[in-house]
Amino acid sequence: MQKLTITRPDDWHLHLRDGGTLKAVLPYTVRQFARAIIMPNLKPPIRSVADAACYRNNHPRRQLQGRTV
């Protein structure tokens, strides 16, 4: 093997913020990476099962469904 080409790598440590910052940054990440392990940096932070469920229901993945970036 002489050459290895990684066309769309994975981001194994992606920090995401809320609101406008998320909407501004996420499209760039989607263009570069095939998958990501997300570390949410939220204000207020997730502190309960209900908070986690709310985050899951409003997860950035849902914002990208059907989009070509």
C-alpha atoms as a PDB file:
ATOM      1  CA  MET A   1       0.000   0.000   0.000  1.00  0.00           C
ATOM      2  CA  GLN A   2       1.463   3.312  -1.090  1.00  0.00           C
ATOM      3  CA  LYS A   3      -1.383   5.697  -0.366  1.00  0.00           C
ATOM      4  CA  LEU A   4      -4.301   6.006   2.053  1.00  0.00           C
ATOM      5  CA  THR A   5      -7.123   8.426   1.254  1.00  0.00           C
ATOM      6  CA  ILE A   6      -9.659   9.343   3.908  1.00  0.00           C
ATOM      7  CA  THR A   7     -12.468  11.089   2.078  1.00  0.00           C
ATOM      8  CA  ARG A   8     -14.704  11.949   5.042  1.00  0.00           C
ATOM      9  CA  PRO A   9     -13.193  11.228   8.456  1.00  0.00           C
ATOM     10  CA  ASP A  10     -15.045  10.981  11.755  1.00  0.00           C
ATOM     11  CA  ASP A  11     -14.842  13.670  14.432  1.00  0.00           C
ATOM     12  CA  TRP A  12     -14.558  11.778  17.704  1.00  0.00           C
ATOM     13  CA  HIS A  13     -14.813  14.805  19.980  1.00  0.00           C
ATOM     14  CA  LEU A  14     -17.157  17.482  18.647  1.00  0.00           C
ATOM     15  CA  HIS A  15     -18.244  20.192  21.074  1.00  0.00           C
ATOM     16  CA  LEU A  16     -21.533  21.840  20.130  1.00  0.00           C
ATOM     17  CA  ARG A  17     -23.062  24.961  21.631  1.00  0.00           C
ATOM     18  CA  ASP A  18     -26.677  26.118  21.557  1.00  0.00           C
ATOM     19  CA  GLY A  19     -28.648  28.466  19.350  1.00  0.00           C
ATOM     20  CA  GLY A  20     -26.993  30.716  16.802  1.00  0.00           C
ATOM     21  CA  THR A  21     -23.506  29.313  17.321  1.00  0.00           C
ATOM     22  CA  LEU A  22     -24.752  25.803  16.608  1.00  0.00           C
ATOM     23  CA  LYS A  23     -26.553  26.919  13.457  1.00  0.00           C
ATOM     24  CA  ALA A  24     -23.467  28.813  12.265  1.00  0.00           C
ATOM     25  CA  VAL A  25     -20.901  26.053  12.903  1.00  0.00           C
ATOM     26  CA  LEU A  26     -22.730  22.777  12.282  1.00  0.00           C
ATOM     27  CA  PRO A  27     -22.949  23.041   8.461  1.00  0.00           C
ATOM     28  CA  TYR A  28     -19.141  23.295   8.248  1.00  0.00           C
ATOM     29  CA  THR A  29     -18.758  20.185  10.391  1.00  0.00           C
ATOM     30  CA  VAL A  30     -21.266  18.272   8.256  1.00  0.00           C
ATOM     31  CA  ARG A  31     -19.298  19.114   5.113  1.00  0.00           C
ATOM     32  CA  GLN A  32     -16.033  17.800   6.564  1.00  0.00           C
ATOM     33  CA  PHE A  33     -17.002  14.792   8.668  1.00  0.00           C
ATOM     34  CA  ALA A  34     -19.076  11.680   8.021  1.00  0.00           C
ATOM     35  CA  ARG A  35     -19.973  11.126  11.697  1.00  0.00           C
ATOM     36  CA  ALA A  36     -19.306  12.701  15.071  1.00  0.00           C
ATOM     37  CA  ILE A  37     -19.407  11.919  18.756  1.00  0.00           C
ATOM     38  CA  ILE A  38     -21.069  15.000  20.206  1.00  0.00           C
ATOM     39  CA  MET A  39     -20.083  16.626  23.483  1.00  0.00           C
ATOM     40  CA  PRO A  40     -22.836  19.187  24.097  1.00  0.00           C
ATOM     41  CA  ASN A  41     -21.783  22.408  25.822  1.00  0.00           C
ATOM     42  CA  LEU A  42     -25.166  23.653  26.942  1.00  0.00           C
ATOM     43  CA  LYS A  43     -26.352  26.511  29.125  1.00  0.00           C
ATOM     44  CA  PRO A  44     -27.970  25.335  31.309  1.00  0.00           C
ATOM     45  CA  PRO A  45     -26.310  21.891  31.253  1.00  0.00           C
ATOM     46  CA  ILE A  46     -28.197  18.599  31.055  1.00  0.00           C
ATOM     47  CA  ARG A  47     -28.947  17.643  34.664  1.00  0.00           C
ATOM     48  CA  SER A  48     -31.873  15.247  34.489  1.00  0.00           C
ATOM     49  CA  VAL A  49     -33.491  12.588  32.352  1.00  0.00           C
ATOM     50  CA  ALA A  50     -36.076  15.170  31.270  1.00  0.00           C
ATOM     51  CA  ASP A  51     -33.259  17.527  30.165  1.00  0.00           C
ATOM     52  CA  ALA A  52     -31.658  14.687  28.185  1.00  0.00           C
ATOM     53  CA  ALA A  53     -34.961  13.836  26.514  1.00  0.00           C
ATOM     54  CA  CYS A  54     -35.484  17.469  25.544  1.00  0.00           C
ATOM     55  CA  TYR A  55     -31.971  17.659  24.082  1.00  0.00           C
ATOM     56  CA  ARG A  56     -32.518  14.424  22.182  1.00  0.00           C
ATOM     57  CA  ASN A  57     -35.790  15.695  20.708  1.00  0.00           C
ATOM     58  CA  ASN A  58     -34.109  18.921  19.596  1.00  0.00           C
ATOM     59  CA  HIS A  59     -30.814  17.278  18.645  1.00  0.00           C
ATOM     60  CA  PRO A  60     -28.752  18.873  15.848  1.00  0.00           C
ATOM     61  CA  ARG A  61     -29.227  15.695  13.780  1.00  0.00           C
ATOM     62  CA  ARG A  62     -32.903  16.580  13.509  1.00  0.00           C
ATOM     63  CA  GLN A  63     -31.993  20.040  12.214  1.00  0.00           C
ATOM     64  CA  LEU A  64     -30.028  18.451   9.353  1.00  0.00           C
ATOM     65  CA  GLN A  65     -32.563  15.879   8.172  1.00  0.00           C
ATOM     66  CA  GLY A  66     -33.178  16.348   4.485  1.00  0.00           C
ATOM     67  CA  ARG A  67     -30.446  18.970   4.097  1.00  0.00           C
ATOM     68  CA  THR A  68     -27.611  18.781   1.621  1.00  0.00           C
ATOM     69  CA  VAL A  69     -24.715  20.782   2.992  1.00  0.00           C
END
